[in-house]
Amino acid sequence: MRKVLLIIAGVVVLVCGVGGWFGYQALNAGREISRSSITQQEFDAQQVGTAETTVRDALPTPLDDDEENIYGDDPTRQGKPAGATCAYYPLKPLTESKNRPLFRFCFAGGKLTEKKQIRIDGA
């Protein structure tokens, strides 16, 4: 009987540890999204042609996300300019919509070349 109780206790500890780890990861992801979000006014304040450093200094740290996660199997990347590097920011306030808006700022040659609101199809 004691052996059975020890096994059950071990399983409970293992399940709690794994559940806690996943909960911690979800919390961190939520914090990153919250810290990276910007308002419509912050988006509107940035002007095409502005120096990249000026734009990046005016905004929080962008999402640290792979474009494969953002665009999925969209080969056009929603019209992303060729040769540009882009930064992505969620819209504040955050929504629970499956079709989430993101602000995209694309840079080339040290300048903001495009700013656009895109929609991401979520699961």
PDB file of N, CA and C in Angstrom:
ATOM      1  N   MET A   1       0.827  -1.201   0.000  1.00  0.00           N
ATOM      2  CA  MET A   1       0.000   0.000   0.000  1.00  0.00           C
ATOM      3  C   MET A   1       0.869   1.261   0.000  1.00  0.00           C
ATOM      4  N   ARG A   2       1.929   1.239   0.773  1.00  0.00           N
ATOM      5  CA  ARG A   2       2.826   2.391   0.856  1.00  0.00           C
ATOM      6  C   ARG A   2       3.486   2.659  -0.490  1.00  0.00           C
ATOM      7  N   LYS A   3       3.842   1.597  -1.203  1.00  0.00           N
ATOM      8  CA  LYS A   3       4.474   1.735  -2.509  1.00  0.00           C
ATOM      9  C   LYS A   3       3.512   2.397  -3.506  1.00  0.00           C
ATOM     10  N   VAL A   4       2.244   2.024  -3.451  1.00  0.00           N
ATOM     11  CA  VAL A   4       1.229   2.606  -4.326  1.00  0.00           C
ATOM     12  C   VAL A   4       1.077   4.099  -4.035  1.00  0.00           C
ATOM     13  N   LEU A   5       1.055   4.472  -2.765  1.00  0.00           N
ATOM     14  CA  LEU A   5       0.936   5.885  -2.386  1.00  0.00           C
ATOM     15  C   LEU A   5       2.148   6.691  -2.864  1.00  0.00           C
ATOM     16  N   LEU A   6       3.336   6.122  -2.787  1.00  0.00           N
ATOM     17  CA  LEU A   6       4.539   6.803  -3.263  1.00  0.00           C
ATOM     18  C   LEU A   6       4.487   7.001  -4.782  1.00  0.00           C
ATOM     19  N   ILE A   7       4.012   5.993  -5.493  1.00  0.00           N
ATOM     20  CA  ILE A   7       3.884   6.116  -6.941  1.00  0.00           C
ATOM     21  C   ILE A   7       2.870   7.200  -7.296  1.00  0.00           C
ATOM     22  N   ILE A   8       1.737   7.201  -6.613  1.00  0.00           N
ATOM     23  CA  ILE A   8       0.712   8.230  -6.855  1.00  0.00           C
ATOM     24  C   ILE A   8       1.267   9.611  -6.540  1.00  0.00           C
ATOM     25  N   ALA A   9       1.968   9.735  -5.445  1.00  0.00           N
ATOM     26  CA  ALA A   9       2.560  11.035  -5.079  1.00  0.00           C
ATOM     27  C   ALA A   9       3.570  11.475  -6.139  1.00  0.00           C
ATOM     28  N   GLY A  10       4.371  10.553  -6.640  1.00  0.00           N
ATOM     29  CA  GLY A  10       5.343  10.877  -7.686  1.00  0.00           C
ATOM     30  C   GLY A  10       4.670  11.347  -8.955  1.00  0.00           C
ATOM     31  N   VAL A  11       3.589  10.675  -9.348  1.00  0.00           N
ATOM     32  CA  VAL A  11       2.849  11.071 -10.543  1.00  0.00           C
ATOM     33  C   VAL A  11       2.236  12.460 -10.355  1.00  0.00           C
ATOM     34  N   VAL A  12       1.674  12.721  -9.172  1.00  0.00           N
ATOM     35  CA  VAL A  12       1.077  14.032  -8.885  1.00  0.00           C
ATOM     36  C   VAL A  12       2.141  15.123  -8.971  1.00  0.00           C
ATOM     37  N   VAL A  13       3.300  14.890  -8.406  1.00  0.00           N
ATOM     38  CA  VAL A  13       4.390  15.874  -8.446  1.00  0.00           C
ATOM     39  C   VAL A  13       4.819  16.110  -9.895  1.00  0.00           C
ATOM     40  N   LEU A  14       4.938  15.053 -10.666  1.00  0.00           N
ATOM     41  CA  LEU A  14       5.338  15.177 -12.067  1.00  0.00           C
ATOM     42  C   LEU A  14       4.303  15.966 -12.871  1.00  0.00           C
ATOM     43  N   VAL A  15       3.028  15.649 -12.697  1.00  0.00           N
ATOM     44  CA  VAL A  15       1.963  16.359 -13.416  1.00  0.00           C
ATOM     45  C   VAL A  15       1.932  17.835 -13.020  1.00  0.00           C
ATOM     46  N   CYS A  16       2.084  18.113 -11.738  1.00  0.00           N
ATOM     47  CA  CYS A  16       2.097  19.513 -11.282  1.00  0.00           C
ATOM     48  C   CYS A  16       3.302  20.258 -11.851  1.00  0.00           C
ATOM     49  N   GLY A  17       4.447  19.605 -11.910  1.00  0.00           N
ATOM     50  CA  GLY A  17       5.652  20.240 -12.461  1.00  0.00           C
ATOM     51  C   GLY A  17       5.498  20.556 -13.932  1.00  0.00           C
ATOM     52  N   VAL A  18       5.001  19.606 -14.694  1.00  0.00           N
ATOM     53  CA  VAL A  18       4.806  19.815 -16.135  1.00  0.00           C
ATOM     54  C   VAL A  18       3.732  20.881 -16.359  1.00  0.00           C
ATOM     55  N   GLY A  19       2.634  20.810 -15.635  1.00  0.00           N
ATOM     56  CA  GLY A  19       1.577  21.823 -15.757  1.00  0.00           C
ATOM     57  C   GLY A  19       2.075  23.208 -15.387  1.00  0.00           C
ATOM     58  N   GLY A  20       2.878  23.276 -14.341  1.00  0.00           N
ATOM     59  CA  GLY A  20       3.454  24.557 -13.925  1.00  0.00           C
ATOM     60  C   GLY A  20       4.378  25.134 -14.982  1.00  0.00           C
ATOM     61  N   TRP A  21       5.162  24.279 -15.624  1.00  0.00           N
ATOM     62  CA  TRP A  21       6.077  24.742 -16.664  1.00  0.00           C
ATOM     63  C   TRP A  21       5.296  25.322 -17.839  1.00  0.00           C
ATOM     64  N   PHE A  22       4.253  24.601 -18.291  1.00  0.00           N
ATOM     65  CA  PHE A  22       3.442  25.106 -19.400  1.00  0.00           C
ATOM     66  C   PHE A  22       2.729  26.401 -19.016  1.00  0.00           C
ATOM     67  N   GLY A  23       2.248  26.490 -17.800  1.00  0.00           N
ATOM     68  CA  GLY A  23       1.611  27.716 -17.338  1.00  0.00           C
ATOM     69  C   GLY A  23       2.576  28.887 -17.330  1.00  0.00           C
ATOM     70  N   TYR A  24       3.796  28.641 -16.884  1.00  0.00           N
ATOM     71  CA  TYR A  24       4.835  29.669 -16.858  1.00  0.00           C
ATOM     72  C   TYR A  24       5.151  30.147 -18.283  1.00  0.00           C
ATOM     73  N   GLN A  25       5.258  29.209 -19.239  1.00  0.00           N
ATOM     74  CA  GLN A  25       5.544  29.577 -20.628  1.00  0.00           C
ATOM     75  C   GLN A  25       4.412  30.421 -21.216  1.00  0.00           C
ATOM     76  N   ALA A  26       3.178  30.047 -20.920  1.00  0.00           N
ATOM     77  CA  ALA A  26       2.026  30.817 -21.411  1.00  0.00           C
ATOM     78  C   ALA A  26       2.024  32.226 -20.814  1.00  0.00           C
ATOM     79  N   LEU A  27       2.349  32.337 -19.543  1.00  0.00           N
ATOM     80  CA  LEU A  27       2.403  33.634 -18.886  1.00  0.00           C
ATOM     81  C   LEU A  27       3.486  34.511 -19.511  1.00  0.00           C
ATOM     82  N   ASN A  28       4.645  33.940 -19.779  1.00  0.00           N
ATOM     83  CA  ASN A  28       5.726  34.703 -20.418  1.00  0.00           C
ATOM     84  C   ASN A  28       5.336  35.169 -21.814  1.00  0.00           C
ATOM     85  N   ALA A  29       4.668  34.305 -22.577  1.00  0.00           N
ATOM     86  CA  ALA A  29       4.227  34.694 -23.920  1.00  0.00           C
ATOM     87  C   ALA A  29       3.224  35.844 -23.832  1.00  0.00           C
ATOM     88  N   GLY A  30       2.317  35.769 -22.882  1.00  0.00           N
ATOM     89  CA  GLY A  30       1.347  36.844 -22.691  1.00  0.00           C
ATOM     90  C   GLY A  30       2.011  38.152 -22.302  1.00  0.00           C
ATOM     91  N   ARG A  31       3.027  38.068 -21.468  1.00  0.00           N
ATOM     92  CA  ARG A  31       3.757  39.284 -21.067  1.00  0.00           C
ATOM     93  C   ARG A  31       4.476  39.903 -22.251  1.00  0.00           C
ATOM     94  N   GLU A  32       5.097  39.067 -23.094  1.00  0.00           N
ATOM     95  CA  GLU A  32       5.808  39.594 -24.265  1.00  0.00           C
ATOM     96  C   GLU A  32       4.840  40.309 -25.197  1.00  0.00           C
ATOM     97  N   ILE A  33       3.694  39.701 -25.427  1.00  0.00           N
ATOM     98  CA  ILE A  33       2.695  40.317 -26.309  1.00  0.00           C
ATOM     99  C   ILE A  33       2.214  41.634 -25.715  1.00  0.00           C
ATOM    100  N   SER A  34       1.974  41.651 -24.424  1.00  0.00           N
ATOM    101  CA  SER A  34       1.497  42.864 -23.765  1.00  0.00           C
ATOM    102  C   SER A  34       2.547  43.975 -23.831  1.00  0.00           C
ATOM    103  N   ARG A  35       3.807  43.640 -23.588  1.00  0.00           N
ATOM    104  CA  ARG A  35       4.893  44.633 -23.621  1.00  0.00           C
ATOM    105  C   ARG A  35       5.131  45.177 -25.022  1.00  0.00           C
ATOM    106  N   SER A  36       4.862  44.367 -26.041  1.00  0.00           N
ATOM    107  CA  SER A  36       5.126  44.755 -27.423  1.00  0.00           C
ATOM    108  C   SER A  36       3.971  45.489 -28.084  1.00  0.00           C
ATOM    109  N   SER A  37       2.834  45.558 -27.431  1.00  0.00           N
ATOM    110  CA  SER A  37       1.663  46.145 -28.082  1.00  0.00           C
ATOM    111  C   SER A  37       1.736  47.668 -28.116  1.00  0.00           C
ATOM    112  N   ILE A  38       1.158  48.238 -29.191  1.00  0.00           N
ATOM    113  CA  ILE A  38       1.117  49.692 -29.363  1.00  0.00           C
ATOM    114  C   ILE A  38      -0.309  50.112 -29.723  1.00  0.00           C
ATOM    115  N   THR A  39      -0.593  51.370 -29.525  1.00  0.00           N
ATOM    116  CA  THR A  39      -1.916  51.908 -29.834  1.00  0.00           C
ATOM    117  C   THR A  39      -1.972  52.365 -31.298  1.00  0.00           C
ATOM    118  N   GLN A  40      -3.171  52.609 -31.762  1.00  0.00           N
ATOM    119  CA  GLN A  40      -3.355  53.139 -33.113  1.00  0.00           C
ATOM    120  C   GLN A  40      -2.647  54.486 -33.245  1.00  0.00           C
ATOM    121  N   GLN A  41      -2.671  55.295 -32.186  1.00  0.00           N
ATOM    122  CA  GLN A  41      -2.022  56.609 -32.225  1.00  0.00           C
ATOM    123  C   GLN A  41      -0.497  56.473 -32.374  1.00  0.00           C
ATOM    124  N   GLU A  42       0.093  55.487 -31.701  1.00  0.00           N
ATOM    125  CA  GLU A  42       1.542  55.269 -31.844  1.00  0.00           C
ATOM    126  C   GLU A  42       1.877  54.832 -33.269  1.00  0.00           C
ATOM    127  N   PHE A  43       1.016  54.000 -33.835  1.00  0.00           N
ATOM    128  CA  PHE A  43       1.207  53.572 -35.223  1.00  0.00           C
ATOM    129  C   PHE A  43       1.119  54.772 -36.162  1.00  0.00           C
ATOM    130  N   ASP A  44       0.067  55.581 -36.001  1.00  0.00           N
ATOM    131  CA  ASP A  44      -0.155  56.731 -36.871  1.00  0.00           C
ATOM    132  C   ASP A  44       0.958  57.774 -36.770  1.00  0.00           C
ATOM    133  N   ALA A  45       1.614  57.866 -35.617  1.00  0.00           N
ATOM    134  CA  ALA A  45       2.643  58.886 -35.401  1.00  0.00           C
ATOM    135  C   ALA A  45       3.921  58.629 -36.207  1.00  0.00           C
ATOM    136  N   GLN A  46       4.133  57.402 -36.654  1.00  0.00           N
ATOM    137  CA  GLN A  46       5.353  57.090 -37.402  1.00  0.00           C
ATOM    138  C   GLN A  46       5.144  57.397 -38.883  1.00  0.00           C
ATOM    139  N   GLN A  47       6.107  58.065 -39.477  1.00  0.00           N
ATOM    140  CA  GLN A  47       5.995  58.503 -40.864  1.00  0.00           C
ATOM    141  C   GLN A  47       6.986  57.751 -41.746  1.00  0.00           C
ATOM    142  N   VAL A  48       6.505  57.305 -42.918  1.00  0.00           N
ATOM    143  CA  VAL A  48       7.379  56.663 -43.895  1.00  0.00           C
ATOM    144  C   VAL A  48       8.493  57.642 -44.257  1.00  0.00           C
ATOM    145  N   GLY A  49       9.717  57.123 -44.321  1.00  0.00           N
ATOM    146  CA  GLY A  49      10.880  57.955 -44.620  1.00  0.00           C
ATOM    147  C   GLY A  49      11.674  58.329 -43.385  1.00  0.00           C
ATOM    148  N   THR A  50      11.107  58.117 -42.201  1.00  0.00           N
ATOM    149  CA  THR A  50      11.795  58.415 -40.947  1.00  0.00           C
ATOM    150  C   THR A  50      12.925  57.408 -40.746  1.00  0.00           C
ATOM    151  N   ALA A  51      13.992  57.843 -40.096  1.00  0.00           N
ATOM    152  CA  ALA A  51      15.127  56.956 -39.820  1.00  0.00           C
ATOM    153  C   ALA A  51      14.679  55.772 -38.963  1.00  0.00           C
ATOM    154  N   GLU A  52      15.204  54.597 -39.278  1.00  0.00           N
ATOM    155  CA  GLU A  52      14.834  53.376 -38.553  1.00  0.00           C
ATOM    156  C   GLU A  52      15.090  53.512 -37.056  1.00  0.00           C
ATOM    157  N   THR A  53      16.215  54.099 -36.685  1.00  0.00           N
ATOM    158  CA  THR A  53      16.531  54.234 -35.255  1.00  0.00           C
ATOM    159  C   THR A  53      15.514  55.119 -34.544  1.00  0.00           C
ATOM    160  N   THR A  54      15.035  56.145 -35.213  1.00  0.00           N
ATOM    161  CA  THR A  54      14.038  57.036 -34.618  1.00  0.00           C
ATOM    162  C   THR A  54      12.733  56.291 -34.371  1.00  0.00           C
ATOM    163  N   VAL A  55      12.306  55.500 -35.343  1.00  0.00           N
ATOM    164  CA  VAL A  55      11.058  54.735 -35.207  1.00  0.00           C
ATOM    165  C   VAL A  55      11.207  53.703 -34.100  1.00  0.00           C
ATOM    166  N   ARG A  56      12.291  52.954 -34.116  1.00  0.00           N
ATOM    167  CA  ARG A  56      12.490  51.900 -33.111  1.00  0.00           C
ATOM    168  C   ARG A  56      12.613  52.486 -31.700  1.00  0.00           C
ATOM    169  N   ASP A  57      13.235  53.650 -31.578  1.00  0.00           N
ATOM    170  CA  ASP A  57      13.354  54.289 -30.262  1.00  0.00           C
ATOM    171  C   ASP A  57      12.006  54.767 -29.729  1.00  0.00           C
ATOM    172  N   ALA A  58      11.083  55.094 -30.625  1.00  0.00           N
ATOM    173  CA  ALA A  58       9.775  55.614 -30.215  1.00  0.00           C
ATOM    174  C   ALA A  58       8.804  54.502 -29.816  1.00  0.00           C
ATOM    175  N   LEU A  59       9.139  53.261 -30.162  1.00  0.00           N
ATOM    176  CA  LEU A  59       8.229  52.140 -29.922  1.00  0.00           C
ATOM    177  C   LEU A  59       8.857  51.133 -28.959  1.00  0.00           C
ATOM    178  N   PRO A  60       8.027  50.297 -28.326  1.00  0.00           N
ATOM    179  CA  PRO A  60       8.577  49.259 -27.457  1.00  0.00           C
ATOM    180  C   PRO A  60       9.292  48.188 -28.282  1.00  0.00           C
ATOM    181  N   THR A  61       9.880  47.246 -27.618  1.00  0.00           N
ATOM    182  CA  THR A  61      10.529  46.130 -28.295  1.00  0.00           C
ATOM    183  C   THR A  61       9.475  45.350 -29.081  1.00  0.00           C
ATOM    184  N   PRO A  62       9.730  45.083 -30.372  1.00  0.00           N
ATOM    185  CA  PRO A  62       8.723  44.365 -31.164  1.00  0.00           C
ATOM    186  C   PRO A  62       8.630  42.901 -30.755  1.00  0.00           C
ATOM    187  N   LEU A  63       7.609  42.239 -31.277  1.00  0.00           N
ATOM    188  CA  LEU A  63       7.470  40.808 -31.035  1.00  0.00           C
ATOM    189  C   LEU A  63       8.709  40.087 -31.543  1.00  0.00           C
ATOM    190  N   ASP A  64       9.171  39.144 -30.765  1.00  0.00           N
ATOM    191  CA  ASP A  64      10.302  38.324 -31.172  1.00  0.00           C
ATOM    192  C   ASP A  64       9.712  37.054 -31.765  1.00  0.00           C
ATOM    193  N   ASP A  65       9.278  37.149 -33.020  1.00  0.00           N
ATOM    194  CA  ASP A  65       8.557  36.038 -33.629  1.00  0.00           C
ATOM    195  C   ASP A  65       9.086  35.785 -35.033  1.00  0.00           C
ATOM    196  N   ASP A  66       9.147  34.528 -35.373  1.00  0.00           N
ATOM    197  CA  ASP A  66       9.558  34.108 -36.699  1.00  0.00           C
ATOM    198  C   ASP A  66       8.435  34.426 -37.688  1.00  0.00           C
ATOM    199  N   GLU A  67       8.788  34.926 -38.852  1.00  0.00           N
ATOM    200  CA  GLU A  67       7.766  35.269 -39.843  1.00  0.00           C
ATOM    201  C   GLU A  67       6.954  34.056 -40.272  1.00  0.00           C
ATOM    202  N   GLU A  68       7.494  32.864 -40.154  1.00  0.00           N
ATOM    203  CA  GLU A  68       6.711  31.659 -40.461  1.00  0.00           C
ATOM    204  C   GLU A  68       5.521  31.560 -39.505  1.00  0.00           C
ATOM    205  N   ASN A  69       5.717  31.954 -38.252  1.00  0.00           N
ATOM    206  CA  ASN A  69       4.622  31.943 -37.285  1.00  0.00           C
ATOM    207  C   ASN A  69       3.599  33.020 -37.609  1.00  0.00           C
ATOM    208  N   ILE A  70       4.052  34.120 -38.155  1.00  0.00           N
ATOM    209  CA  ILE A  70       3.153  35.238 -38.445  1.00  0.00           C
ATOM    210  C   ILE A  70       2.353  34.984 -39.719  1.00  0.00           C
ATOM    211  N   TYR A  71       3.022  34.585 -40.788  1.00  0.00           N
ATOM    212  CA  TYR A  71       2.359  34.463 -42.086  1.00  0.00           C
ATOM    213  C   TYR A  71       1.882  33.059 -42.425  1.00  0.00           C
ATOM    214  N   GLY A  72       2.367  32.059 -41.721  1.00  0.00           N
ATOM    215  CA  GLY A  72       1.969  30.698 -42.043  1.00  0.00           C
ATOM    216  C   GLY A  72       2.391  30.338 -43.455  1.00  0.00           C
ATOM    217  N   ASP A  73       1.451  29.839 -44.247  1.00  0.00           N
ATOM    218  CA  ASP A  73       1.775  29.405 -45.604  1.00  0.00           C
ATOM    219  C   ASP A  73       1.458  30.459 -46.665  1.00  0.00           C
ATOM    220  N   ASP A  74       1.346  31.718 -46.271  1.00  0.00           N
ATOM    221  CA  ASP A  74       1.080  32.808 -47.217  1.00  0.00           C
ATOM    222  C   ASP A  74       2.375  33.153 -47.958  1.00  0.00           C
ATOM    223  N   PRO A  75       2.512  32.776 -49.226  1.00  0.00           N
ATOM    224  CA  PRO A  75       3.763  33.028 -49.949  1.00  0.00           C
ATOM    225  C   PRO A  75       4.000  34.513 -50.226  1.00  0.00           C
ATOM    226  N   THR A  76       2.949  35.333 -50.211  1.00  0.00           N
ATOM    227  CA  THR A  76       3.112  36.760 -50.503  1.00  0.00           C
ATOM    228  C   THR A  76       3.545  37.542 -49.266  1.00  0.00           C
ATOM    229  N   ARG A  77       3.437  36.903 -48.089  1.00  0.00           N
ATOM    230  CA  ARG A  77       3.764  37.570 -46.822  1.00  0.00           C
ATOM    231  C   ARG A  77       2.969  38.868 -46.688  1.00  0.00           C
ATOM    232  N   GLN A  78       1.732  38.853 -47.186  1.00  0.00           N
ATOM    233  CA  GLN A  78       0.828  40.007 -47.163  1.00  0.00           C
ATOM    234  C   GLN A  78       1.486  41.254 -47.756  1.00  0.00           C
ATOM    235  N   GLY A  79       2.199  41.042 -48.853  1.00  0.00           N
ATOM    236  CA  GLY A  79       2.792  42.159 -49.580  1.00  0.00           C
ATOM    237  C   GLY A  79       4.025  42.749 -48.927  1.00  0.00           C
ATOM    238  N   LYS A  80       4.739  41.975 -48.120  1.00  0.00           N
ATOM    239  CA  LYS A  80       5.965  42.479 -47.482  1.00  0.00           C
ATOM    240  C   LYS A  80       6.946  42.932 -48.563  1.00  0.00           C
ATOM    241  N   PRO A  81       7.494  44.138 -48.409  1.00  0.00           N
ATOM    242  CA  PRO A  81       8.438  44.644 -49.411  1.00  0.00           C
ATOM    243  C   PRO A  81       9.675  43.748 -49.521  1.00  0.00           C
ATOM    244  N   ALA A  82      10.093  43.482 -50.754  1.00  0.00           N
ATOM    245  CA  ALA A  82      11.270  42.646 -50.985  1.00  0.00           C
ATOM    246  C   ALA A  82      12.508  43.317 -50.396  1.00  0.00           C
ATOM    247  N   GLY A  83      13.316  42.534 -49.715  1.00  0.00           N
ATOM    248  CA  GLY A  83      14.574  43.025 -49.162  1.00  0.00           C
ATOM    249  C   GLY A  83      14.445  43.815 -47.876  1.00  0.00           C
ATOM    250  N   ALA A  84      13.242  44.000 -47.385  1.00  0.00           N
ATOM    251  CA  ALA A  84      13.037  44.782 -46.158  1.00  0.00           C
ATOM    252  C   ALA A  84      13.037  43.865 -44.936  1.00  0.00           C
ATOM    253  N   THR A  85      13.425  44.430 -43.801  1.00  0.00           N
ATOM    254  CA  THR A  85      13.264  43.744 -42.522  1.00  0.00           C
ATOM    255  C   THR A  85      12.090  44.415 -41.826  1.00  0.00           C
ATOM    256  N   CYS A  86      11.284  43.606 -41.174  1.00  0.00           N
ATOM    257  CA  CYS A  86      10.061  44.148 -40.586  1.00  0.00           C
ATOM    258  C   CYS A  86       9.989  43.865 -39.096  1.00  0.00           C
ATOM    259  N   ALA A  87       9.320  44.767 -38.379  1.00  0.00           N
ATOM    260  CA  ALA A  87       9.051  44.621 -36.946  1.00  0.00           C
ATOM    261  C   ALA A  87       7.535  44.563 -36.786  1.00  0.00           C
ATOM    262  N   TYR A  88       7.079  43.732 -35.837  1.00  0.00           N
ATOM    263  CA  TYR A  88       5.660  43.487 -35.664  1.00  0.00           C
ATOM    264  C   TYR A  88       5.215  43.837 -34.253  1.00  0.00           C
ATOM    265  N   TYR A  89       4.069  44.527 -34.170  1.00  0.00           N
ATOM    266  CA  TYR A  89       3.522  44.964 -32.895  1.00  0.00           C
ATOM    267  C   TYR A  89       2.033  44.638 -32.830  1.00  0.00           C
ATOM    268  N   PRO A  90       1.572  44.000 -31.762  1.00  0.00           N
ATOM    269  CA  PRO A  90       0.130  43.794 -31.605  1.00  0.00           C
ATOM    270  C   PRO A  90      -0.574  45.117 -31.308  1.00  0.00           C
ATOM    271  N   LEU A  91      -1.847  45.180 -31.667  1.00  0.00           N
ATOM    272  CA  LEU A  91      -2.669  46.352 -31.401  1.00  0.00           C
ATOM    273  C   LEU A  91      -3.099  46.360 -29.940  1.00  0.00           C
ATOM    274  N   LYS A  92      -2.936  47.510 -29.291  1.00  0.00           N
ATOM    275  CA  LYS A  92      -3.394  47.691 -27.918  1.00  0.00           C
ATOM    276  C   LYS A  92      -4.724  48.413 -27.968  1.00  0.00           C
ATOM    277  N   PRO A  93      -5.771  48.010 -27.301  1.00  0.00           N
ATOM    278  CA  PRO A  93      -5.845  46.901 -26.355  1.00  0.00           C
ATOM    279  C   PRO A  93      -5.883  45.558 -27.084  1.00  0.00           C
ATOM    280  N   LEU A  94      -5.371  44.533 -26.426  1.00  0.00           N
ATOM    281  CA  LEU A  94      -5.317  43.202 -26.994  1.00  0.00           C
ATOM    282  C   LEU A  94      -6.725  42.635 -27.113  1.00  0.00           C
ATOM    283  N   THR A  95      -6.938  41.837 -28.151  1.00  0.00           N
ATOM    284  CA  THR A  95      -8.247  41.216 -28.371  1.00  0.00           C
ATOM    285  C   THR A  95      -8.092  39.699 -28.396  1.00  0.00           C
ATOM    286  N   GLU A  96      -9.200  39.027 -28.221  1.00  0.00           N
ATOM    287  CA  GLU A  96      -9.217  37.566 -28.264  1.00  0.00           C
ATOM    288  C   GLU A  96      -9.668  37.060 -29.630  1.00  0.00           C
ATOM    289  N   SER A  97      -9.715  37.914 -30.605  1.00  0.00           N
ATOM    290  CA  SER A  97     -10.187  37.570 -31.939  1.00  0.00           C
ATOM    291  C   SER A  97      -9.270  36.541 -32.603  1.00  0.00           C
ATOM    292  N   LYS A  98      -9.861  35.681 -33.429  1.00  0.00           N
ATOM    293  CA  LYS A  98      -9.053  34.728 -34.195  1.00  0.00           C
ATOM    294  C   LYS A  98      -8.357  35.420 -35.356  1.00  0.00           C
ATOM    295  N   ASN A  99      -8.834  36.572 -35.752  1.00  0.00           N
ATOM    296  CA  ASN A  99      -8.257  37.342 -36.848  1.00  0.00           C
ATOM    297  C   ASN A  99      -7.590  38.582 -36.240  1.00  0.00           C
ATOM    298  N   ARG A 100      -6.443  38.359 -35.612  1.00  0.00           N
ATOM    299  CA  ARG A 100      -5.791  39.397 -34.815  1.00  0.00           C
ATOM    300  C   ARG A 100      -5.043  40.417 -35.677  1.00  0.00           C
ATOM    301  N   PRO A 101      -5.220  41.701 -35.370  1.00  0.00           N
ATOM    302  CA  PRO A 101      -4.461  42.717 -36.103  1.00  0.00           C
ATOM    303  C   PRO A 101      -3.041  42.859 -35.548  1.00  0.00           C
ATOM    304  N   LEU A 102      -2.110  43.107 -36.456  1.00  0.00           N
ATOM    305  CA  LEU A 102      -0.721  43.418 -36.101  1.00  0.00           C
ATOM    306  C   LEU A 102      -0.318  44.638 -36.907  1.00  0.00           C
ATOM    307  N   PHE A 103       0.518  45.460 -36.312  1.00  0.00           N
ATOM    308  CA  PHE A 103       1.112  46.563 -37.047  1.00  0.00           C
ATOM    309  C   PHE A 103       2.468  46.098 -37.546  1.00  0.00           C
ATOM    310  N   ARG A 104       2.732  46.339 -38.822  1.00  0.00           N
ATOM    311  CA  ARG A 104       4.011  45.950 -39.419  1.00  0.00           C
ATOM    312  C   ARG A 104       4.743  47.206 -39.869  1.00  0.00           C
ATOM    313  N   PHE A 105       5.982  47.335 -39.409  1.00  0.00           N
ATOM    314  CA  PHE A 105       6.864  48.416 -39.841  1.00  0.00           C
ATOM    315  C   PHE A 105       8.023  47.770 -40.592  1.00  0.00           C
ATOM    316  N   CYS A 106       8.228  48.147 -41.859  1.00  0.00           N
ATOM    317  CA  CYS A 106       9.296  47.558 -42.659  1.00  0.00           C
ATOM    318  C   CYS A 106      10.365  48.621 -42.943  1.00  0.00           C
ATOM    319  N   PHE A 107      11.603  48.176 -42.843  1.00  0.00           N
ATOM    320  CA  PHE A 107      12.748  49.068 -42.988  1.00  0.00           C
ATOM    321  C   PHE A 107      13.679  48.574 -44.090  1.00  0.00           C
ATOM    322  N   ALA A 108      14.214  49.514 -44.845  1.00  0.00           N
ATOM    323  CA  ALA A 108      15.247  49.227 -45.844  1.00  0.00           C
ATOM    324  C   ALA A 108      16.106  50.475 -45.970  1.00  0.00           C
ATOM    325  N   GLY A 109      17.391  50.267 -46.105  1.00  0.00           N
ATOM    326  CA  GLY A 109      18.294  51.406 -46.248  1.00  0.00           C
ATOM    327  C   GLY A 109      18.291  52.332 -45.048  1.00  0.00           C
ATOM    328  N   GLY A 110      17.969  51.817 -43.856  1.00  0.00           N
ATOM    329  CA  GLY A 110      17.982  52.624 -42.639  1.00  0.00           C
ATOM    330  C   GLY A 110      16.777  53.535 -42.464  1.00  0.00           C
ATOM    331  N   LYS A 111      15.754  53.335 -43.300  1.00  0.00           N
ATOM    332  CA  LYS A 111      14.558  54.180 -43.213  1.00  0.00           C
ATOM    333  C   LYS A 111      13.296  53.318 -43.174  1.00  0.00           C
ATOM    334  N   LEU A 112      12.232  53.904 -42.603  1.00  0.00           N
ATOM    335  CA  LEU A 112      10.930  53.255 -42.609  1.00  0.00           C
ATOM    336  C   LEU A 112      10.378  53.351 -44.027  1.00  0.00           C
ATOM    337  N   THR A 113      10.202  52.197 -44.677  1.00  0.00           N
ATOM    338  CA  THR A 113       9.730  52.191 -46.059  1.00  0.00           C
ATOM    339  C   THR A 113       8.256  51.842 -46.174  1.00  0.00           C
ATOM    340  N   GLU A 114       7.708  51.181 -45.141  1.00  0.00           N
ATOM    341  CA  GLU A 114       6.294  50.836 -45.172  1.00  0.00           C
ATOM    342  C   GLU A 114       5.789  50.649 -43.752  1.00  0.00           C
ATOM    343  N   LYS A 115       4.557  51.079 -43.525  1.00  0.00           N
ATOM    344  CA  LYS A 115       3.855  50.752 -42.276  1.00  0.00           C
ATOM    345  C   LYS A 115       2.474  50.304 -42.682  1.00  0.00           C
ATOM    346  N   LYS A 116       2.030  49.211 -42.095  1.00  0.00           N
ATOM    347  CA  LYS A 116       0.788  48.613 -42.549  1.00  0.00           C
ATOM    348  C   LYS A 116       0.166  47.810 -41.418  1.00  0.00           C
ATOM    349  N   GLN A 117      -1.156  47.808 -41.361  1.00  0.00           N
ATOM    350  CA  GLN A 117      -1.853  46.924 -40.434  1.00  0.00           C
ATOM    351  C   GLN A 117      -2.173  45.650 -41.193  1.00  0.00           C
ATOM    352  N   ILE A 118      -1.760  44.516 -40.644  1.00  0.00           N
ATOM    353  CA  ILE A 118      -2.047  43.229 -41.257  1.00  0.00           C
ATOM    354  C   ILE A 118      -2.905  42.413 -40.312  1.00  0.00           C
ATOM    355  N   ARG A 119      -3.521  41.380 -40.826  1.00  0.00           N
ATOM    356  CA  ARG A 119      -4.364  40.491 -40.018  1.00  0.00           C
ATOM    357  C   ARG A 119      -3.755  39.101 -40.031  1.00  0.00           C
ATOM    358  N   ILE A 120      -3.719  38.502 -38.862  1.00  0.00           N
ATOM    359  CA  ILE A 120      -3.166  37.162 -38.707  1.00  0.00           C
ATOM    360  C   ILE A 120      -4.300  36.215 -38.378  1.00  0.00           C
ATOM    361  N   ASP A 121      -4.442  35.175 -39.163  1.00  0.00           N
ATOM    362  CA  ASP A 121      -5.459  34.161 -38.874  1.00  0.00           C
ATOM    363  C   ASP A 121      -4.933  33.249 -37.783  1.00  0.00           C
ATOM    364  N   GLY A 122      -5.596  33.267 -36.632  1.00  0.00           N
ATOM    365  CA  GLY A 122      -5.190  32.431 -35.509  1.00  0.00           C
ATOM    366  C   GLY A 122      -5.963  31.137 -35.482  1.00  0.00           C
ATOM    367  N   ALA A 123      -5.475  30.237 -34.661  1.00  0.00           N
ATOM    368  CA  ALA A 123      -6.151  28.936 -34.515  1.00  0.00           C
ATOM    369  C   ALA A 123      -7.203  29.021 -33.451  1.00  0.00           C
TER     370      ALA A 123
END
